[in-house]
Amino acid sequence: MDKLFFTEEHEMLRDMVRDFAENEVEPLAREMDETESIPRELINKMGELGILGIPVPEKYGGAGMDTVAYATAIMELAKVDASVAITVAAHTSLGTMPIVLAGTEEQKMKYVPDLASGKFLGAFGLTEPGAGSDAGETKTIAEKDGNDYIINGSKIFITNSGIAGYLNLTAQVIEDGKQIGVGAFVTETNNPGLSIAPKGKKMGWRASDTHQLFFKDMRIPAKNIIGTPEDGFKTFLKTLTGGRISIGALSVGTAKGAYLKALNYACEREAFGKEIHHFQSVGFKLADMATRIEAAKLLVYHSAWMKDNGKDAMKEAAMAKLFASECAMDVTTDAIQIHGGYGYVKEYDVERFFRD
């Protein structure tokens, strides 16, 4: 399937990220899950390799590659650790690309090179206690005050927010007492009006950094609005299309990682005098797992290809995310079943893939 979408450059990127994932990330995966953190050195290495700026234009310090390349990198990372994969995905598709897609040239030159190099990670504040998928119900307020906006409100479940250097966020824009749209803004995370709650304790993606954010009279210069208040909603809808492709790719990688562990176990574990993959109950399960993964991968790559070719991929990205995430749930469940009692043991890793 890869040949449908890949060039030689894509293959080189895939091999590089796969090598990095297997040699640098996988040995730390269990420890990161236990400590609920990713070493900064690992993030720095990804920055040096260009993994944190794959779809960013070369002009701004990125690799200048396409969405297919980016999705491939997320898949390879997720095959060994979903927390690292979501850290890169949120940084890229949510923390960086809104500025690349809709920022001014001044904003791009100021923020994007630091993000693409990994000097700073990016985060995106969209979700609120009462507004996530229903983004139009955003309650955070940005009120114009001279050359600034004063922002009050909160966000929840924000990936990378405790370790990011830059934060994009959405807010209802108020000017002259009138609500004129949902705007997108960028600010440094050391802004004194921003406070960050303690890190959330999660069942999965435990090493991924997730916090609730609070804005109390937080000032942001008016020049930090991404696009205009009127088109801010469209800006982050475009961002969410890329985000859905990211989660689709992450789900495919998670499923593939669990499948490979189940396949290897089935080829090693013997019962009644033969390897258990020879039993139809296991062999059929492995066949179904592999089939679902290939179907999910095709949906992800197709939506990425559409996006790269300037087509409206909103529906296809949503379908890819839906199918691939359900595939990941099914495959990781089956991987535990194939492992039997060992599926509950941390040393066999599939329970971590299931939680993630």
Protein backbone atom coordinates (compact mmCIF):
# COMPACT_ATOMS: atom_id res chain seq x y z
CA MET A 1 0.00 0.00 0.00
CA ASP A 2 2.81 2.40 0.84
CA LYS A 3 3.84 2.44 -2.83
CA LEU A 4 0.57 4.20 -3.69
CA PHE A 5 1.54 7.23 -1.64
CA PHE A 6 5.31 6.99 -1.09
CA THR A 7 8.28 8.47 -2.87
CA GLU A 8 11.86 7.51 -2.11
CA GLU A 9 11.96 10.46 0.29
CA HIS A 10 8.99 9.04 2.21
CA GLU A 11 10.73 5.68 2.51
CA MET A 12 13.88 7.32 3.84
CA LEU A 13 11.90 9.24 6.44
CA ARG A 14 9.98 6.12 7.50
CA ASP A 15 13.21 4.14 7.92
CA MET A 16 14.82 6.95 9.91
CA VAL A 17 11.88 7.36 12.29
CA ARG A 18 11.48 3.58 12.64
CA ASP A 19 15.15 3.26 13.58
CA PHE A 20 14.84 6.09 16.11
CA ALA A 21 11.65 4.63 17.59
CA GLU A 22 13.08 1.14 17.98
CA ASN A 23 16.47 2.20 19.32
CA GLU A 24 15.75 5.36 21.29
CA VAL A 25 12.07 5.28 22.29
CA GLU A 26 11.17 1.63 22.83
CA PRO A 27 13.85 0.98 25.49
CA LEU A 28 12.35 3.83 27.56
CA ALA A 29 8.66 3.11 26.95
CA ARG A 30 7.90 1.18 30.14
CA GLU A 31 9.88 3.60 32.28
CA MET A 32 8.10 6.61 30.74
CA ASP A 33 4.75 4.95 31.41
CA GLU A 34 5.74 4.40 35.06
CA THR A 35 7.22 7.87 35.65
CA GLU A 36 4.53 9.61 33.57
CA SER A 37 7.09 11.77 31.78
CA ILE A 38 9.20 11.95 28.62
CA PRO A 39 12.87 12.85 29.06
CA ARG A 40 13.72 16.23 27.58
CA GLU A 41 16.77 14.60 25.96
CA LEU A 42 14.44 12.45 23.85
CA ILE A 43 12.53 15.50 22.68
CA ASN A 44 15.81 17.24 21.85
CA LYS A 45 16.88 14.26 19.73
CA MET A 46 13.63 14.38 17.80
CA GLY A 47 14.22 18.06 17.19
CA GLU A 48 17.73 17.38 15.90
CA LEU A 49 16.43 14.70 13.53
CA GLY A 50 13.74 17.01 12.16
CA ILE A 51 10.85 14.90 13.49
CA LEU A 52 9.25 17.92 15.16
CA GLY A 53 9.00 19.94 11.93
CA ILE A 54 8.19 17.43 9.19
CA PRO A 55 5.36 19.38 7.43
CA VAL A 56 6.82 22.80 8.22
CA PRO A 57 8.22 24.69 5.18
CA GLU A 58 12.00 24.78 4.95
CA LYS A 59 11.84 28.59 5.04
CA TYR A 60 10.80 28.33 8.69
CA GLY A 61 13.24 25.62 9.70
CA GLY A 62 11.18 22.54 8.88
CA ALA A 63 11.68 19.58 6.58
CA GLY A 64 9.17 20.87 4.01
CA MET A 65 7.54 17.46 3.63
CA ASP A 66 3.87 16.60 3.24
CA THR A 67 1.09 15.18 5.40
CA VAL A 68 1.74 11.64 4.16
CA ALA A 69 5.29 11.90 5.52
CA TYR A 70 4.07 13.34 8.80
CA ALA A 71 1.42 10.62 9.24
CA THR A 72 4.07 7.99 8.56
CA ALA A 73 6.29 9.36 11.32
CA ILE A 74 3.40 9.34 13.81
CA MET A 75 2.61 5.72 12.91
CA GLU A 76 6.20 4.62 13.47
CA LEU A 77 6.41 6.36 16.85
CA ALA A 78 3.05 4.97 17.99
CA LYS A 79 4.15 1.44 17.12
CA VAL A 80 6.43 1.60 20.16
CA ASP A 81 4.94 4.33 22.38
CA ALA A 82 1.72 6.31 21.99
CA SER A 83 2.73 8.96 24.54
CA VAL A 84 5.70 10.04 22.45
CA ALA A 85 3.56 9.92 19.31
CA ILE A 86 0.82 12.15 20.75
CA THR A 87 3.44 14.58 22.07
CA VAL A 88 4.79 15.00 18.54
CA ALA A 89 1.31 15.02 16.99
CA ALA A 90 -0.10 17.70 19.29
CA HIS A 91 3.06 19.78 18.94
CA THR A 92 2.96 19.61 15.15
CA SER A 93 -0.67 19.59 14.03
CA LEU A 94 -2.05 21.73 16.87
CA GLY A 95 0.86 23.72 18.27
CA THR A 96 2.70 24.60 15.06
CA MET A 97 0.54 24.27 11.96
CA PRO A 98 -2.12 26.89 12.88
CA ILE A 99 0.64 29.50 12.75
CA VAL A 100 2.02 28.06 9.50
CA LEU A 101 -1.45 27.94 7.92
CA ALA A 102 -2.88 31.28 9.02
CA GLY A 103 -0.22 33.31 10.82
CA THR A 104 1.35 36.52 9.61
CA GLU A 105 4.86 36.46 8.28
CA GLU A 106 6.02 38.11 11.48
CA GLN A 107 4.36 35.38 13.58
CA LYS A 108 5.82 32.62 11.42
CA MET A 109 9.36 34.00 11.66
CA LYS A 110 9.06 34.57 15.42
CA TYR A 111 7.53 31.25 16.51
CA VAL A 112 7.83 28.53 13.89
CA PRO A 113 11.63 28.03 13.71
CA ASP A 114 11.78 27.46 17.47
CA LEU A 115 8.91 24.97 17.20
CA ALA A 116 10.31 23.11 14.20
CA SER A 117 13.72 22.73 15.85
CA GLY A 118 12.28 21.51 19.13
CA LYS A 119 13.70 24.42 21.09
CA PHE A 120 10.13 24.84 22.30
CA LEU A 121 7.18 22.50 22.12
CA GLY A 122 3.76 23.77 21.09
CA ALA A 123 0.31 23.20 22.57
CA PHE A 124 -3.23 24.10 21.52
CA GLY A 125 -5.92 25.21 23.98
CA LEU A 126 -9.32 24.40 22.47
CA THR A 127 -11.17 22.02 24.80
CA GLU A 128 -13.11 23.43 27.74
CA PRO A 129 -15.26 21.71 30.37
CA GLY A 130 -18.31 22.48 28.23
CA ALA A 131 -16.79 22.89 24.77
CA GLY A 132 -14.67 20.45 22.83
CA SER A 133 -16.23 19.02 19.70
CA ASP A 134 -18.83 21.78 20.11
CA ALA A 135 -16.15 24.42 19.62
CA GLY A 136 -18.67 27.16 18.99
CA GLU A 137 -19.60 27.00 22.69
CA THR A 138 -16.19 28.29 23.76
CA LYS A 139 -16.61 30.30 26.96
CA THR A 140 -13.09 31.75 27.19
CA ILE A 141 -13.30 35.49 26.45
CA ALA A 142 -10.76 37.75 24.72
CA GLU A 143 -11.77 41.39 25.19
CA LYS A 144 -10.02 44.10 23.18
CA ASP A 145 -8.23 46.67 25.34
CA GLY A 146 -6.22 49.15 23.28
CA ASN A 147 -3.41 47.23 21.57
CA ASP A 148 -4.03 44.11 23.65
CA TYR A 149 -6.62 41.44 24.27
CA ILE A 150 -7.43 40.53 27.88
CA ILE A 151 -8.26 36.85 28.17
CA ASN A 152 -10.26 35.16 30.91
CA GLY A 153 -11.42 31.56 31.02
CA SER A 154 -10.05 28.04 31.17
CA LYS A 155 -9.11 25.03 29.06
CA ILE A 156 -8.97 21.34 29.95
CA PHE A 157 -7.18 18.20 28.68
CA ILE A 158 -4.49 20.26 26.93
CA THR A 159 -1.64 18.09 25.66
CA ASN A 160 1.93 19.40 26.15
CA SER A 161 0.68 22.42 28.09
CA GLY A 162 3.02 21.92 31.05
CA ILE A 163 6.15 21.52 28.90
CA ALA A 164 5.33 23.77 25.93
CA GLY A 165 7.00 27.10 25.26
CA TYR A 166 4.19 28.41 23.08
CA LEU A 167 0.43 28.00 23.37
CA ASN A 168 -2.24 28.53 20.74
CA LEU A 169 -5.71 29.04 22.16
CA THR A 170 -9.23 29.91 21.11
CA ALA A 171 -11.54 32.50 22.66
CA GLN A 172 -14.70 34.45 21.97
CA VAL A 173 -13.51 37.87 20.75
CA ILE A 174 -15.23 40.91 22.23
CA GLU A 175 -14.69 44.35 20.70
CA ASP A 176 -16.65 47.44 21.76
CA GLY A 177 -18.94 45.21 23.79
CA LYS A 178 -19.84 43.03 20.80
CA GLN A 179 -18.96 39.37 20.21
CA ILE A 180 -17.43 39.20 16.72
CA GLY A 181 -16.24 35.59 16.44
CA VAL A 182 -14.08 32.85 17.87
CA GLY A 183 -10.47 33.92 17.47
CA ALA A 184 -7.22 31.99 17.66
CA PHE A 185 -4.22 33.45 19.51
CA VAL A 186 -0.61 32.56 20.23
CA THR A 187 1.27 33.36 23.43
CA GLU A 188 4.32 32.32 25.41
CA THR A 189 3.51 29.95 28.26
CA ASN A 190 5.40 32.14 30.74
CA ASN A 191 2.65 34.76 30.37
CA PRO A 192 1.88 35.87 33.96
CA GLY A 193 -1.87 35.64 33.36
CA LEU A 194 -1.63 31.92 32.64
CA SER A 195 -1.72 29.36 35.44
CA ILE A 196 -1.31 25.62 34.93
CA ALA A 197 -3.01 23.01 37.12
CA PRO A 198 -1.12 19.91 38.29
CA LYS A 199 -0.60 17.23 35.68
CA GLY A 200 -3.59 14.99 35.11
CA LYS A 201 -3.44 11.31 36.10
CA LYS A 202 -4.56 9.25 33.10
CA MET A 203 -5.23 5.59 32.38
CA GLY A 204 -3.34 5.75 29.08
CA TRP A 205 -0.88 8.09 27.36
CA ARG A 206 0.56 8.38 30.87
CA ALA A 207 3.85 9.96 29.78
CA SER A 208 2.00 12.54 27.69
CA ASP A 209 1.79 15.90 29.46
CA THR A 210 -1.84 16.92 30.08
CA HIS A 211 -3.09 19.84 32.18
CA GLN A 212 -5.99 22.19 32.82
CA LEU A 213 -5.22 25.86 32.10
CA PHE A 214 -6.62 29.01 33.66
CA PHE A 215 -6.50 32.53 32.21
CA LYS A 216 -6.87 35.42 34.64
CA ASP A 217 -6.71 38.84 32.97
CA MET A 218 -4.03 37.41 30.64
CA ARG A 219 -2.80 40.06 28.22
CA ILE A 220 -1.89 39.13 24.68
CA PRO A 221 -0.83 41.76 22.12
CA ALA A 222 -3.40 42.24 19.37
CA LYS A 223 -0.70 41.33 16.84
CA ASN A 224 -0.72 37.80 18.31
CA ILE A 225 -4.14 36.95 16.91
CA ILE A 226 -3.82 34.25 14.24
CA GLY A 227 -5.70 35.51 11.21
CA THR A 228 -8.67 37.70 12.12
CA PRO A 229 -11.45 37.23 14.69
CA GLU A 230 -13.88 36.60 11.88
CA ASP A 231 -11.85 33.74 10.36
CA GLY A 232 -10.48 32.29 13.60
CA PHE A 233 -13.14 29.57 13.62
CA LYS A 234 -12.15 28.50 10.11
CA THR A 235 -8.49 28.53 11.14
CA PHE A 236 -8.86 25.96 13.85
CA LEU A 237 -11.34 23.87 11.86
CA LYS A 238 -8.51 23.45 9.33
CA THR A 239 -6.22 22.64 12.23
CA LEU A 240 -8.61 19.96 13.47
CA THR A 241 -8.60 18.25 10.06
CA GLY A 242 -4.86 17.78 10.40
CA GLY A 243 -5.36 16.74 14.01
CA ARG A 244 -7.80 14.02 13.01
CA ILE A 245 -5.30 12.64 10.50
CA SER A 246 -2.74 12.68 13.32
CA ILE A 247 -4.96 10.64 15.64
CA GLY A 248 -5.82 8.27 12.82
CA ALA A 249 -2.11 7.68 12.21
CA LEU A 250 -1.45 7.31 15.93
CA SER A 251 -4.26 4.74 16.16
CA VAL A 252 -2.86 2.75 13.23
CA GLY A 253 0.58 2.73 14.86
CA THR A 254 -0.83 1.65 18.22
CA ALA A 255 -2.76 -1.17 16.58
CA LYS A 256 0.24 -2.28 14.52
CA GLY A 257 2.52 -2.33 17.57
CA ALA A 258 0.07 -4.51 19.52
CA TYR A 259 -0.50 -6.76 16.51
CA LEU A 260 3.22 -7.38 16.03
CA LYS A 261 3.63 -8.31 19.68
CA ALA A 262 0.67 -10.69 19.44
CA LEU A 263 2.02 -12.21 16.23
CA ASN A 264 5.48 -12.76 17.73
CA TYR A 265 3.96 -14.29 20.85
CA ALA A 266 1.74 -16.59 18.79
CA CYS A 267 4.79 -17.80 16.87
CA GLU A 268 6.70 -18.56 20.09
CA ARG A 269 4.03 -19.86 22.47
CA GLU A 270 3.28 -23.58 22.16
CA ALA A 271 0.24 -25.52 23.32
CA PHE A 272 -0.69 -29.12 22.61
CA GLY A 273 2.57 -29.61 20.72
CA LYS A 274 2.41 -26.72 18.27
CA GLU A 275 2.72 -22.94 18.08
CA ILE A 276 -0.61 -21.36 18.91
CA HIS A 277 -0.90 -19.43 15.63
CA HIS A 278 -1.66 -22.79 14.02
CA PHE A 279 -4.96 -22.94 15.91
CA GLN A 280 -7.76 -21.38 13.89
CA SER A 281 -9.10 -19.40 16.85
CA VAL A 282 -5.78 -17.55 17.02
CA GLY A 283 -4.90 -17.56 13.32
CA PHE A 284 -8.26 -16.12 12.28
CA LYS A 285 -7.96 -13.44 14.96
CA LEU A 286 -4.52 -12.43 13.68
CA ALA A 287 -5.84 -12.31 10.10
CA ASP A 288 -8.73 -10.06 11.12
CA MET A 289 -6.37 -7.79 13.07
CA ALA A 290 -4.01 -7.41 10.10
CA THR A 291 -6.91 -6.72 7.73
CA ARG A 292 -8.40 -3.99 9.92
CA ILE A 293 -5.00 -2.33 10.31
CA GLU A 294 -4.44 -2.22 6.55
CA ALA A 295 -7.92 -0.77 5.99
CA ALA A 296 -7.32 1.89 8.66
CA LYS A 297 -3.93 2.76 7.20
CA LEU A 298 -5.46 3.23 3.75
CA LEU A 299 -8.08 5.62 5.15
CA VAL A 300 -5.40 7.64 6.93
CA TYR A 301 -3.12 7.86 3.90
CA HIS A 302 -6.02 8.71 1.59
CA SER A 303 -7.10 11.63 3.80
CA ALA A 304 -3.47 12.79 4.07
CA TRP A 305 -3.08 12.57 0.28
CA MET A 306 -6.27 14.59 -0.22
CA LYS A 307 -5.04 17.28 2.15
CA ASP A 308 -1.67 17.41 0.38
CA ASN A 309 -3.41 17.83 -2.97
CA GLY A 310 -5.53 20.76 -1.86
CA LYS A 311 -8.78 18.84 -1.61
CA ASP A 312 -11.33 19.20 1.18
CA ALA A 313 -10.40 16.28 3.45
CA MET A 314 -12.61 17.14 6.42
CA LYS A 315 -14.95 14.17 5.96
CA GLU A 316 -12.20 11.74 5.03
CA ALA A 317 -10.06 12.79 8.01
CA ALA A 318 -13.00 12.26 10.36
CA MET A 319 -13.68 8.83 8.84
CA ALA A 320 -10.01 7.87 9.18
CA LYS A 321 -9.93 8.93 12.82
CA LEU A 322 -13.16 7.07 13.61
CA PHE A 323 -12.25 3.82 11.90
CA ALA A 324 -8.60 3.78 12.98
CA SER A 325 -9.34 4.52 16.64
CA GLU A 326 -11.96 1.76 16.77
CA CYS A 327 -9.47 -0.52 15.01
CA ALA A 328 -6.88 0.25 17.70
CA MET A 329 -9.36 -0.61 20.46
CA ASP A 330 -10.32 -3.90 18.80
CA VAL A 331 -6.77 -4.95 17.93
CA THR A 332 -5.27 -4.16 21.32
CA THR A 333 -8.11 -6.11 22.97
CA ASP A 334 -7.43 -9.10 20.72
CA ALA A 335 -3.71 -8.82 21.42
CA ILE A 336 -4.40 -9.32 25.12
CA GLN A 337 -6.65 -12.28 24.34
CA ILE A 338 -3.90 -13.94 22.29
CA HIS A 339 -1.42 -13.44 25.13
CA GLY A 340 -3.83 -15.00 27.62
CA GLY A 341 -2.79 -14.33 31.23
CA TYR A 342 0.47 -12.76 30.06
CA GLY A 343 -1.59 -10.00 28.46
CA TYR A 344 -2.16 -8.63 31.96
CA VAL A 345 1.57 -8.54 32.73
CA LYS A 346 3.43 -5.28 32.13
CA GLU A 347 6.54 -7.01 30.80
CA TYR A 348 4.59 -8.10 27.73
CA ASP A 349 3.59 -4.51 26.86
CA VAL A 350 0.20 -5.24 25.29
CA GLU A 351 -1.61 -4.03 28.40
CA ARG A 352 0.09 -0.65 27.87
CA PHE A 353 -1.00 -0.60 24.23
CA PHE A 354 -4.54 -1.44 25.40
CA ARG A 355 -4.57 1.43 27.92
CA ASP A 356 -3.14 3.85 25.38
